[in-house]
Each structure stands twice: as structure tokens, then as C-alpha cells.
Amino acid sequence: GVKHKSNKSNLVALVNPNDCTGCHTCFDLCPTDCFVWEDVPA
């Protein structure tokens, strides 16, 4: 049940950390700044 109060679809974006290149495009496009950085999986 963790979602933004304006989220009526109950869908959220999910990043597969094994496939993320760190290109930053999702950060640039997101209107709600929901993306954050984390360490590459060991």
C-alpha cells in the first residue's frame, strides 16, 4: 500500500538494478523526483 497519494493506478516504476546503466534519463524525465541513487549490487 505504499504509493503516492495521487497514484490512482496502483502501479509504480521498478528498476532492475542488474540492468540499470546509470544513464540518469529516468531522473531527468520524472516529474515527481521518485528516483534515487543506490550502490550497484555486489
PDB file of all heavy atoms in Angstrom:
ATOM      1  N   GLY A   1       0.787  -1.221   0.000  1.00  0.00           N
ATOM      2  CA  GLY A   1       0.000   0.000   0.000  1.00  0.00           C
ATOM      3  C   GLY A   1       0.823   1.277   0.000  1.00  0.00           C
ATOM      4  O   GLY A   1       0.300   2.344   0.225  1.00  0.00           O
ATOM      5  N   VAL A   2       2.130   1.163  -0.252  1.00  0.00           N
ATOM      6  CA  VAL A   2       2.989   2.348  -0.276  1.00  0.00           C
ATOM      7  C   VAL A   2       2.976   2.928  -1.672  1.00  0.00           C
ATOM      8  O   VAL A   2       3.508   2.342  -2.602  1.00  0.00           O
ATOM      9  CB  VAL A   2       4.446   2.001   0.118  1.00  0.00           C
ATOM     10  CG1 VAL A   2       5.328   3.227   0.041  1.00  0.00           C
ATOM     11  CG2 VAL A   2       4.492   1.405   1.506  1.00  0.00           C
ATOM     12  N   LYS A   3       2.330   4.050  -1.821  1.00  0.00           N
ATOM     13  CA  LYS A   3       2.300   4.729  -3.103  1.00  0.00           C
ATOM     14  C   LYS A   3       1.968   6.192  -2.879  1.00  0.00           C
ATOM     15  O   LYS A   3       1.487   6.586  -1.821  1.00  0.00           O
ATOM     16  CB  LYS A   3       1.302   4.089  -4.050  1.00  0.00           C
ATOM     17  CG  LYS A   3      -0.141   4.158  -3.580  1.00  0.00           C
ATOM     18  CD  LYS A   3      -1.064   3.545  -4.602  1.00  0.00           C
ATOM     19  CE  LYS A   3      -2.506   3.780  -4.191  1.00  0.00           C
ATOM     20  NZ  LYS A   3      -3.447   3.402  -5.222  1.00  0.00           N
ATOM     21  N   HIS A   4       2.209   6.983  -3.882  1.00  0.00           N
ATOM     22  CA  HIS A   4       1.932   8.409  -3.838  1.00  0.00           C
ATOM     23  C   HIS A   4       0.427   8.636  -3.729  1.00  0.00           C
ATOM     24  O   HIS A   4      -0.360   7.892  -4.308  1.00  0.00           O
ATOM     25  CB  HIS A   4       2.480   9.055  -5.114  1.00  0.00           C
ATOM     26  CG  HIS A   4       2.504  10.542  -5.090  1.00  0.00           C
ATOM     27  ND1 HIS A   4       1.399  11.300  -5.377  1.00  0.00           N
ATOM     28  CD2 HIS A   4       3.496  11.409  -4.803  1.00  0.00           C
ATOM     29  CE1 HIS A   4       1.706  12.580  -5.298  1.00  0.00           C
ATOM     30  NE2 HIS A   4       2.981  12.668  -4.939  1.00  0.00           N
ATOM     31  N   LYS A   5       0.026   9.656  -2.999  1.00  0.00           N
ATOM     32  CA  LYS A   5      -1.412   9.907  -2.800  1.00  0.00           C
ATOM     33  C   LYS A   5      -2.140  10.197  -4.112  1.00  0.00           C
ATOM     34  O   LYS A   5      -3.338   9.985  -4.211  1.00  0.00           O
ATOM     35  CB  LYS A   5      -1.610  11.052  -1.815  1.00  0.00           C
ATOM     36  CG  LYS A   5      -1.034  12.359  -2.281  1.00  0.00           C
ATOM     37  CD  LYS A   5      -1.147  13.448  -1.239  1.00  0.00           C
ATOM     38  CE  LYS A   5      -0.474  14.712  -1.744  1.00  0.00           C
ATOM     39  NZ  LYS A   5      -0.357  15.723  -0.749  1.00  0.00           N
ATOM     40  N   SER A   6      -1.426  10.662  -5.137  1.00  0.00           N
ATOM     41  CA  SER A   6      -2.049  10.935  -6.436  1.00  0.00           C
ATOM     42  C   SER A   6      -2.044   9.728  -7.358  1.00  0.00           C
ATOM     43  O   SER A   6      -2.515   9.808  -8.485  1.00  0.00           O
ATOM     44  CB  SER A   6      -1.318  12.086  -7.127  1.00  0.00           C
ATOM     45  OG  SER A   6      -1.434  13.263  -6.378  1.00  0.00           O
ATOM     46  N   ASN A   7      -1.504   8.613  -6.913  1.00  0.00           N
ATOM     47  CA  ASN A   7      -1.404   7.417  -7.749  1.00  0.00           C
ATOM     48  C   ASN A   7      -2.710   6.642  -7.692  1.00  0.00           C
ATOM     49  O   ASN A   7      -2.993   5.943  -6.738  1.00  0.00           O
ATOM     50  CB  ASN A   7      -0.237   6.548  -7.272  1.00  0.00           C
ATOM     51  CG  ASN A   7       0.049   5.399  -8.200  1.00  0.00           C
ATOM     52  OD1 ASN A   7      -0.809   4.963  -8.953  1.00  0.00           O
ATOM     53  ND2 ASN A   7       1.266   4.891  -8.130  1.00  0.00           N
ATOM     54  N   LYS A   8      -3.501   6.762  -8.740  1.00  0.00           N
ATOM     55  CA  LYS A   8      -4.795   6.076  -8.784  1.00  0.00           C
ATOM     56  C   LYS A   8      -4.694   4.701  -9.458  1.00  0.00           C
ATOM     57  O   LYS A   8      -5.586   3.891  -9.355  1.00  0.00           O
ATOM     58  CB  LYS A   8      -5.805   6.944  -9.509  1.00  0.00           C
ATOM     59  CG  LYS A   8      -6.042   8.260  -8.773  1.00  0.00           C
ATOM     60  CD  LYS A   8      -7.162   9.047  -9.385  1.00  0.00           C
ATOM     61  CE  LYS A   8      -7.438  10.363  -8.730  1.00  0.00           C
ATOM     62  NZ  LYS A   8      -6.585  10.850  -7.714  1.00  0.00           N
ATOM     63  N   SER A   9      -3.589   4.430 -10.123  1.00  0.00           N
ATOM     64  CA  SER A   9      -3.458   3.177 -10.869  1.00  0.00           C
ATOM     65  C   SER A   9      -2.917   2.028 -10.034  1.00  0.00           C
ATOM     66  O   SER A   9      -2.984   0.887 -10.443  1.00  0.00           O
ATOM     67  CB  SER A   9      -2.517   3.385 -12.067  1.00  0.00           C
ATOM     68  OG  SER A   9      -1.188   3.586 -11.619  1.00  0.00           O
ATOM     69  N   ASN A  10      -2.348   2.330  -8.878  1.00  0.00           N
ATOM     70  CA  ASN A  10      -1.681   1.351  -8.015  1.00  0.00           C
ATOM     71  C   ASN A  10      -0.472   0.717  -8.699  1.00  0.00           C
ATOM     72  O   ASN A  10      -0.013  -0.339  -8.320  1.00  0.00           O
ATOM     73  CB  ASN A  10      -2.634   0.269  -7.520  1.00  0.00           C
ATOM     74  CG  ASN A  10      -2.124  -0.369  -6.237  1.00  0.00           C
ATOM     75  OD1 ASN A  10      -1.653   0.323  -5.348  1.00  0.00           O
ATOM     76  ND2 ASN A  10      -2.184  -1.675  -6.142  1.00  0.00           N
ATOM     77  N   LEU A  11       0.059   1.370  -9.743  1.00  0.00           N
ATOM     78  CA  LEU A  11       1.280   0.935 -10.397  1.00  0.00           C
ATOM     79  C   LEU A  11       2.420   1.871 -10.007  1.00  0.00           C
ATOM     80  O   LEU A  11       2.211   3.078  -9.872  1.00  0.00           O
ATOM     81  CB  LEU A  11       1.131   0.941 -11.913  1.00  0.00           C
ATOM     82  CG  LEU A  11       0.149  -0.058 -12.497  1.00  0.00           C
ATOM     83  CD1 LEU A  11       0.029   0.158 -14.010  1.00  0.00           C
ATOM     84  CD2 LEU A  11       0.571  -1.492 -12.207  1.00  0.00           C
ATOM     85  N   VAL A  12       3.592   1.311  -9.830  1.00  0.00           N
ATOM     86  CA  VAL A  12       4.781   2.120  -9.564  1.00  0.00           C
ATOM     87  C   VAL A  12       5.912   1.628 -10.458  1.00  0.00           C
ATOM     88  O   VAL A  12       5.935   0.474 -10.875  1.00  0.00           O
ATOM     89  CB  VAL A  12       5.226   2.053  -8.079  1.00  0.00           C
ATOM     90  CG1 VAL A  12       4.209   2.716  -7.171  1.00  0.00           C
ATOM     91  CG2 VAL A  12       5.487   0.628  -7.641  1.00  0.00           C
ATOM     92  N   ALA A  13       6.843   2.519 -10.743  1.00  0.00           N
ATOM     93  CA  ALA A  13       8.017   2.137 -11.523  1.00  0.00           C
ATOM     94  C   ALA A  13       8.921   1.261 -10.675  1.00  0.00           C
ATOM     95  O   ALA A  13       8.997   1.408  -9.452  1.00  0.00           O
ATOM     96  CB  ALA A  13       8.760   3.379 -11.988  1.00  0.00           C
ATOM     97  N   LEU A  14       9.594   0.344 -11.327  1.00  0.00           N
ATOM     98  CA  LEU A  14      10.558  -0.529 -10.657  1.00  0.00           C
ATOM     99  C   LEU A  14      11.797  -0.598 -11.534  1.00  0.00           C
ATOM    100  O   LEU A  14      11.700  -0.753 -12.751  1.00  0.00           O
ATOM    101  CB  LEU A  14       9.972  -1.929 -10.476  1.00  0.00           C
ATOM    102  CG  LEU A  14      10.922  -2.967  -9.873  1.00  0.00           C
ATOM    103  CD1 LEU A  14      11.180  -2.656  -8.402  1.00  0.00           C
ATOM    104  CD2 LEU A  14      10.347  -4.357 -10.024  1.00  0.00           C
ATOM    105  N   VAL A  15      12.959  -0.471 -10.913  1.00  0.00           N
ATOM    106  CA  VAL A  15      14.226  -0.559 -11.626  1.00  0.00           C
ATOM    107  C   VAL A  15      14.895  -1.881 -11.277  1.00  0.00           C
ATOM    108  O   VAL A  15      15.061  -2.202 -10.106  1.00  0.00           O
ATOM    109  CB  VAL A  15      15.167   0.602 -11.233  1.00  0.00           C
ATOM    110  CG1 VAL A  15      16.512   0.465 -11.945  1.00  0.00           C
ATOM    111  CG2 VAL A  15      14.541   1.945 -11.533  1.00  0.00           C
ATOM    112  N   ASN A  16      15.285  -2.631 -12.294  1.00  0.00           N
ATOM    113  CA  ASN A  16      16.079  -3.830 -12.076  1.00  0.00           C
ATOM    114  C   ASN A  16      17.533  -3.362 -11.971  1.00  0.00           C
ATOM    115  O   ASN A  16      18.113  -2.920 -12.968  1.00  0.00           O
ATOM    116  CB  ASN A  16      15.917  -4.812 -13.235  1.00  0.00           C
ATOM    117  CG  ASN A  16      16.745  -6.060 -13.059  1.00  0.00           C
ATOM    118  OD1 ASN A  16      17.761  -6.065 -12.381  1.00  0.00           O
ATOM    119  ND2 ASN A  16      16.310  -7.126 -13.703  1.00  0.00           N
ATOM    120  N   PRO A  17      18.133  -3.409 -10.779  1.00  0.00           N
ATOM    121  CA  PRO A  17      19.485  -2.871 -10.602  1.00  0.00           C
ATOM    122  C   PRO A  17      20.553  -3.610 -11.403  1.00  0.00           C
ATOM    123  O   PRO A  17      21.624  -3.059 -11.662  1.00  0.00           O
ATOM    124  CB  PRO A  17      19.734  -2.998  -9.102  1.00  0.00           C
ATOM    125  CG  PRO A  17      18.805  -4.066  -8.644  1.00  0.00           C
ATOM    126  CD  PRO A  17      17.611  -4.008  -9.550  1.00  0.00           C
ATOM    127  N   ASN A  18      20.258  -4.813 -11.841  1.00  0.00           N
ATOM    128  CA  ASN A  18      21.223  -5.554 -12.651  1.00  0.00           C
ATOM    129  C   ASN A  18      21.236  -5.090 -14.095  1.00  0.00           C
ATOM    130  O   ASN A  18      22.191  -5.352 -14.828  1.00  0.00           O
ATOM    131  CB  ASN A  18      20.946  -7.053 -12.587  1.00  0.00           C
ATOM    132  CG  ASN A  18      21.280  -7.618 -11.236  1.00  0.00           C
ATOM    133  OD1 ASN A  18      22.362  -7.381 -10.711  1.00  0.00           O
ATOM    134  ND2 ASN A  18      20.355  -8.331 -10.640  1.00  0.00           N
ATOM    135  N   ASP A  19      20.183  -4.397 -14.527  1.00  0.00           N
ATOM    136  CA  ASP A  19      20.109  -3.915 -15.901  1.00  0.00           C
ATOM    137  C   ASP A  19      20.270  -2.409 -16.024  1.00  0.00           C
ATOM    138  O   ASP A  19      20.325  -1.873 -17.125  1.00  0.00           O
ATOM    139  CB  ASP A  19      18.774  -4.328 -16.530  1.00  0.00           C
ATOM    140  CG  ASP A  19      18.671  -5.831 -16.737  1.00  0.00           C
ATOM    141  OD1 ASP A  19      19.723  -6.473 -16.905  1.00  0.00           O
ATOM    142  OD2 ASP A  19      17.553  -6.357 -16.710  1.00  0.00           O
ATOM    143  N   CYS A  20      20.358  -1.694 -14.922  1.00  0.00           N
ATOM    144  CA  CYS A  20      20.472  -0.231 -14.939  1.00  0.00           C
ATOM    145  C   CYS A  20      21.897   0.174 -15.314  1.00  0.00           C
ATOM    146  O   CYS A  20      22.867  -0.315 -14.732  1.00  0.00           O
ATOM    147  CB  CYS A  20      20.115   0.333 -13.564  1.00  0.00           C
ATOM    148  SG  CYS A  20      20.257   2.136 -13.446  1.00  0.00           S
ATOM    149  N   THR A  21      22.004   1.066 -16.290  1.00  0.00           N
ATOM    150  CA  THR A  21      23.318   1.553 -16.722  1.00  0.00           C
ATOM    151  C   THR A  21      23.734   2.814 -15.973  1.00  0.00           C
ATOM    152  O   THR A  21      24.860   3.266 -16.125  1.00  0.00           O
ATOM    153  CB  THR A  21      23.323   1.876 -18.226  1.00  0.00           C
ATOM    154  OG1 THR A  21      22.401   2.931 -18.474  1.00  0.00           O
ATOM    155  CG2 THR A  21      22.970   0.653 -19.058  1.00  0.00           C
ATOM    156  N   GLY A  22      22.821   3.405 -15.207  1.00  0.00           N
ATOM    157  CA  GLY A  22      23.134   4.651 -14.517  1.00  0.00           C
ATOM    158  C   GLY A  22      23.128   5.852 -15.443  1.00  0.00           C
ATOM    159  O   GLY A  22      23.796   6.844 -15.185  1.00  0.00           O
ATOM    160  N   CYS A  23      22.359   5.796 -16.515  1.00  0.00           N
ATOM    161  CA  CYS A  23      22.373   6.863 -17.532  1.00  0.00           C
ATOM    162  C   CYS A  23      21.709   8.158 -17.066  1.00  0.00           C
ATOM    163  O   CYS A  23      21.912   9.196 -17.662  1.00  0.00           O
ATOM    164  CB  CYS A  23      21.717   6.385 -18.819  1.00  0.00           C
ATOM    165  SG  CYS A  23      19.913   6.279 -18.747  1.00  0.00           S
ATOM    166  N   HIS A  24      20.884   8.102 -16.050  1.00  0.00           N
ATOM    167  CA  HIS A  24      20.240   9.270 -15.442  1.00  0.00           C
ATOM    168  C   HIS A  24      19.014   9.764 -16.206  1.00  0.00           C
ATOM    169  O   HIS A  24      18.364  10.724 -15.806  1.00  0.00           O
ATOM    170  CB  HIS A  24      21.257  10.417 -15.286  1.00  0.00           C
ATOM    171  CG  HIS A  24      20.884  11.405 -14.229  1.00  0.00           C
ATOM    172  ND1 HIS A  24      20.070  12.489 -14.473  1.00  0.00           N
ATOM    173  CD2 HIS A  24      21.212  11.473 -12.925  1.00  0.00           C
ATOM    174  CE1 HIS A  24      19.919  13.190 -13.362  1.00  0.00           C
ATOM    175  NE2 HIS A  24      20.603  12.588 -12.400  1.00  0.00           N
ATOM    176  N   THR A  25      18.627   9.143 -17.302  1.00  0.00           N
ATOM    177  CA  THR A  25      17.489   9.619 -18.094  1.00  0.00           C
ATOM    178  C   THR A  25      16.190   9.584 -17.293  1.00  0.00           C
ATOM    179  O   THR A  25      15.390  10.519 -17.362  1.00  0.00           O
ATOM    180  CB  THR A  25      17.336   8.800 -19.386  1.00  0.00           C
ATOM    181  OG1 THR A  25      18.569   8.855 -20.108  1.00  0.00           O
ATOM    182  CG2 THR A  25      16.212   9.340 -20.253  1.00  0.00           C
ATOM    183  N   CYS A  26      15.975   8.540 -16.515  1.00  0.00           N
ATOM    184  CA  CYS A  26      14.747   8.457 -15.714  1.00  0.00           C
ATOM    185  C   CYS A  26      14.684   9.603 -14.700  1.00  0.00           C
ATOM    186  O   CYS A  26      13.615  10.166 -14.453  1.00  0.00           O
ATOM    187  CB  CYS A  26      14.637   7.106 -15.016  1.00  0.00           C
ATOM    188  SG  CYS A  26      16.063   6.636 -14.017  1.00  0.00           S
ATOM    189  N   PHE A  27      15.820   9.986 -14.130  1.00  0.00           N
ATOM    190  CA  PHE A  27      15.868  11.124 -13.207  1.00  0.00           C
ATOM    191  C   PHE A  27      15.431  12.400 -13.922  1.00  0.00           C
ATOM    192  O   PHE A  27      14.697  13.214 -13.365  1.00  0.00           O
ATOM    193  CB  PHE A  27      17.296  11.337 -12.683  1.00  0.00           C
ATOM    194  CG  PHE A  27      17.740  10.365 -11.631  1.00  0.00           C
ATOM    195  CD1 PHE A  27      18.178   9.103 -11.974  1.00  0.00           C
ATOM    196  CD2 PHE A  27      17.744  10.731 -10.296  1.00  0.00           C
ATOM    197  CE1 PHE A  27      18.615   8.215 -11.003  1.00  0.00           C
ATOM    198  CE2 PHE A  27      18.171   9.848  -9.318  1.00  0.00           C
ATOM    199  CZ  PHE A  27      18.609   8.588  -9.672  1.00  0.00           C
ATOM    200  N   ASP A  28      15.925  12.578 -15.148  1.00  0.00           N
ATOM    201  CA  ASP A  28      15.619  13.793 -15.905  1.00  0.00           C
ATOM    202  C   ASP A  28      14.157  13.885 -16.301  1.00  0.00           C
ATOM    203  O   ASP A  28      13.587  14.977 -16.364  1.00  0.00           O
ATOM    204  CB  ASP A  28      16.482  13.850 -17.168  1.00  0.00           C
ATOM    205  CG  ASP A  28      17.966  13.973 -16.850  1.00  0.00           C
ATOM    206  OD1 ASP A  28      18.312  14.441 -15.739  1.00  0.00           O
ATOM    207  OD2 ASP A  28      18.781  13.602 -17.715  1.00  0.00           O
ATOM    208  N   LEU A  29      13.522  12.747 -16.576  1.00  0.00           N
ATOM    209  CA  LEU A  29      12.138  12.744 -17.041  1.00  0.00           C
ATOM    210  C   LEU A  29      11.100  12.782 -15.924  1.00  0.00           C
ATOM    211  O   LEU A  29      10.002  13.290 -16.115  1.00  0.00           O
ATOM    212  CB  LEU A  29      11.878  11.502 -17.899  1.00  0.00           C
ATOM    213  CG  LEU A  29      12.601  11.429 -19.235  1.00  0.00           C
ATOM    214  CD1 LEU A  29      12.348  10.078 -19.889  1.00  0.00           C
ATOM    215  CD2 LEU A  29      12.154  12.558 -20.142  1.00  0.00           C
ATOM    216  N   CYS A  30      11.412  12.244 -14.772  1.00  0.00           N
ATOM    217  CA  CYS A  30      10.420  12.050 -13.710  1.00  0.00           C
ATOM    218  C   CYS A  30       9.914  13.379 -13.136  1.00  0.00           C
ATOM    219  O   CYS A  30      10.691  14.163 -12.602  1.00  0.00           O
ATOM    220  CB  CYS A  30      11.015  11.212 -12.583  1.00  0.00           C
ATOM    221  SG  CYS A  30       9.815  10.882 -11.275  1.00  0.00           S
ATOM    222  N   PRO A  31       8.596  13.606 -13.212  1.00  0.00           N
ATOM    223  CA  PRO A  31       8.045  14.854 -12.676  1.00  0.00           C
ATOM    224  C   PRO A  31       7.926  14.874 -11.151  1.00  0.00           C
ATOM    225  O   PRO A  31       7.699  15.927 -10.569  1.00  0.00           O
ATOM    226  CB  PRO A  31       6.656  14.942 -13.326  1.00  0.00           C
ATOM    227  CG  PRO A  31       6.282  13.522 -13.593  1.00  0.00           C
ATOM    228  CD  PRO A  31       7.570  12.807 -13.893  1.00  0.00           C
ATOM    229  N   THR A  32       8.097  13.720 -10.495  1.00  0.00           N
ATOM    230  CA  THR A  32       7.958  13.687  -9.033  1.00  0.00           C
ATOM    231  C   THR A  32       9.254  13.360  -8.309  1.00  0.00           C
ATOM    232  O   THR A  32       9.251  13.156  -7.099  1.00  0.00           O
ATOM    233  CB  THR A  32       6.887  12.652  -8.614  1.00  0.00           C
ATOM    234  OG1 THR A  32       7.292  11.353  -9.050  1.00  0.00           O
ATOM    235  CG2 THR A  32       5.529  13.008  -9.189  1.00  0.00           C
ATOM    236  N   ASP A  33      10.359  13.293  -9.050  1.00  0.00           N
ATOM    237  CA  ASP A  33      11.668  13.006  -8.437  1.00  0.00           C
ATOM    238  C   ASP A  33      11.635  11.736  -7.592  1.00  0.00           C
ATOM    239  O   ASP A  33      12.133  11.713  -6.467  1.00  0.00           O
ATOM    240  CB  ASP A  33      12.154  14.186  -7.595  1.00  0.00           C
ATOM    241  CG  ASP A  33      12.389  15.430  -8.424  1.00  0.00           C
ATOM    242  OD1 ASP A  33      12.913  15.292  -9.552  1.00  0.00           O
ATOM    243  OD2 ASP A  33      12.053  16.529  -7.964  1.00  0.00           O
ATOM    244  N   CYS A  34      11.051  10.684  -8.131  1.00  0.00           N
ATOM    245  CA  CYS A  34      10.940   9.442  -7.352  1.00  0.00           C
ATOM    246  C   CYS A  34      12.179   8.563  -7.447  1.00  0.00           C
ATOM    247  O   CYS A  34      12.292   7.589  -6.725  1.00  0.00           O
ATOM    248  CB  CYS A  34       9.695   8.660  -7.745  1.00  0.00           C
ATOM    249  SG  CYS A  34       9.768   7.834  -9.341  1.00  0.00           S
ATOM    250  N   PHE A  35      13.132   8.917  -8.312  1.00  0.00           N
ATOM    251  CA  PHE A  35      14.341   8.100  -8.467  1.00  0.00           C
ATOM    252  C   PHE A  35      15.438   8.586  -7.530  1.00  0.00           C
ATOM    253  O   PHE A  35      15.629   9.783  -7.344  1.00  0.00           O
ATOM    254  CB  PHE A  35      14.829   8.130  -9.915  1.00  0.00           C
ATOM    255  CG  PHE A  35      13.897   7.433 -10.857  1.00  0.00           C
ATOM    256  CD1 PHE A  35      12.919   8.152 -11.532  1.00  0.00           C
ATOM    257  CD2 PHE A  35      13.965   6.073 -11.058  1.00  0.00           C
ATOM    258  CE1 PHE A  35      12.040   7.515 -12.395  1.00  0.00           C
ATOM    259  CE2 PHE A  35      13.093   5.428 -11.915  1.00  0.00           C
ATOM    260  CZ  PHE A  35      12.124   6.143 -12.585  1.00  0.00           C
ATOM    261  N   VAL A  36      16.142   7.636  -6.942  1.00  0.00           N
ATOM    262  CA  VAL A  36      17.286   7.924  -6.076  1.00  0.00           C
ATOM    263  C   VAL A  36      18.425   6.994  -6.489  1.00  0.00           C
ATOM    264  O   VAL A  36      18.197   5.979  -7.152  1.00  0.00           O
ATOM    265  CB  VAL A  36      16.944   7.730  -4.576  1.00  0.00           C
ATOM    266  CG1 VAL A  36      15.889   8.720  -4.123  1.00  0.00           C
ATOM    267  CG2 VAL A  36      16.486   6.310  -4.290  1.00  0.00           C
ATOM    268  N   TRP A  37      19.641   7.344  -6.098  1.00  0.00           N
ATOM    269  CA  TRP A  37      20.793   6.501  -6.400  1.00  0.00           C
ATOM    270  C   TRP A  37      21.033   5.500  -5.299  1.00  0.00           C
ATOM    271  O   TRP A  37      20.800   5.784  -4.133  1.00  0.00           O
ATOM    272  CB  TRP A  37      22.060   7.347  -6.557  1.00  0.00           C
ATOM    273  CG  TRP A  37      22.102   8.187  -7.780  1.00  0.00           C
ATOM    274  CD1 TRP A  37      22.124   9.560  -7.823  1.00  0.00           C
ATOM    275  CD2 TRP A  37      22.136   7.764  -9.141  1.00  0.00           C
ATOM    276  NE1 TRP A  37      22.168   9.986  -9.126  1.00  0.00           N
ATOM    277  CE2 TRP A  37      22.173   8.906  -9.958  1.00  0.00           C
ATOM    278  CE3 TRP A  37      22.128   6.517  -9.747  1.00  0.00           C
ATOM    279  CZ2 TRP A  37      22.222   8.839 -11.342  1.00  0.00           C
ATOM    280  CZ3 TRP A  37      22.170   6.448 -11.138  1.00  0.00           C
ATOM    281  CH2 TRP A  37      22.219   7.599 -11.913  1.00  0.00           C
ATOM    282  N   GLU A  38      21.527   4.339  -5.677  1.00  0.00           N
ATOM    283  CA  GLU A  38      21.970   3.361  -4.691  1.00  0.00           C
ATOM    284  C   GLU A  38      23.185   2.631  -5.267  1.00  0.00           C
ATOM    285  O   GLU A  38      23.470   2.710  -6.464  1.00  0.00           O
ATOM    286  CB  GLU A  38      20.871   2.374  -4.313  1.00  0.00           C
ATOM    287  CG  GLU A  38      20.493   1.374  -5.347  1.00  0.00           C
ATOM    288  CD  GLU A  38      19.468   0.372  -4.824  1.00  0.00           C
ATOM    289  OE1 GLU A  38      18.798   0.617  -3.818  1.00  0.00           O
ATOM    290  OE2 GLU A  38      19.348  -0.668  -5.462  1.00  0.00           O
ATOM    291  N   ASP A  39      23.895   1.939  -4.407  1.00  0.00           N
ATOM    292  CA  ASP A  39      25.093   1.218  -4.837  1.00  0.00           C
ATOM    293  C   ASP A  39      24.738   0.101  -5.809  1.00  0.00           C
ATOM    294  O   ASP A  39      23.663  -0.497  -5.726  1.00  0.00           O
ATOM    295  CB  ASP A  39      25.817   0.610  -3.642  1.00  0.00           C
ATOM    296  CG  ASP A  39      26.451   1.666  -2.753  1.00  0.00           C
ATOM    297  OD1 ASP A  39      26.719   2.782  -3.248  1.00  0.00           O
ATOM    298  OD2 ASP A  39      26.669   1.382  -1.573  1.00  0.00           O
ATOM    299  N   VAL A  40      25.650  -0.181  -6.703  1.00  0.00           N
ATOM    300  CA  VAL A  40      25.498  -1.302  -7.622  1.00  0.00           C
ATOM    301  C   VAL A  40      25.483  -2.584  -6.791  1.00  0.00           C
ATOM    302  O   VAL A  40      26.277  -2.725  -5.855  1.00  0.00           O
ATOM    303  CB  VAL A  40      26.673  -1.330  -8.626  1.00  0.00           C
ATOM    304  CG1 VAL A  40      26.637  -2.582  -9.481  1.00  0.00           C
ATOM    305  CG2 VAL A  40      26.649  -0.092  -9.494  1.00  0.00           C
ATOM    306  N   PRO A  41      24.579  -3.520  -7.091  1.00  0.00           N
ATOM    307  CA  PRO A  41      24.545  -4.770  -6.329  1.00  0.00           C
ATOM    308  C   PRO A  41      25.891  -5.487  -6.372  1.00  0.00           C
ATOM    309  O   PRO A  41      26.512  -5.586  -7.426  1.00  0.00           O
ATOM    310  CB  PRO A  41      23.464  -5.598  -7.019  1.00  0.00           C
ATOM    311  CG  PRO A  41      22.659  -4.636  -7.817  1.00  0.00           C
ATOM    312  CD  PRO A  41      23.560  -3.493  -8.142  1.00  0.00           C
ATOM    313  N   ALA A  42      26.311  -5.977  -5.239  1.00  0.00           N
ATOM    314  CA  ALA A  42      27.607  -6.659  -5.144  1.00  0.00           C
ATOM    315  C   ALA A  42      27.638  -7.931  -5.992  1.00  0.00           C
ATOM    316  O   ALA A  42      28.692  -8.337  -6.475  1.00  0.00           O
ATOM    317  CB  ALA A  42      27.907  -6.992  -3.691  1.00  0.00           C
TER     318      ALA A  42
END
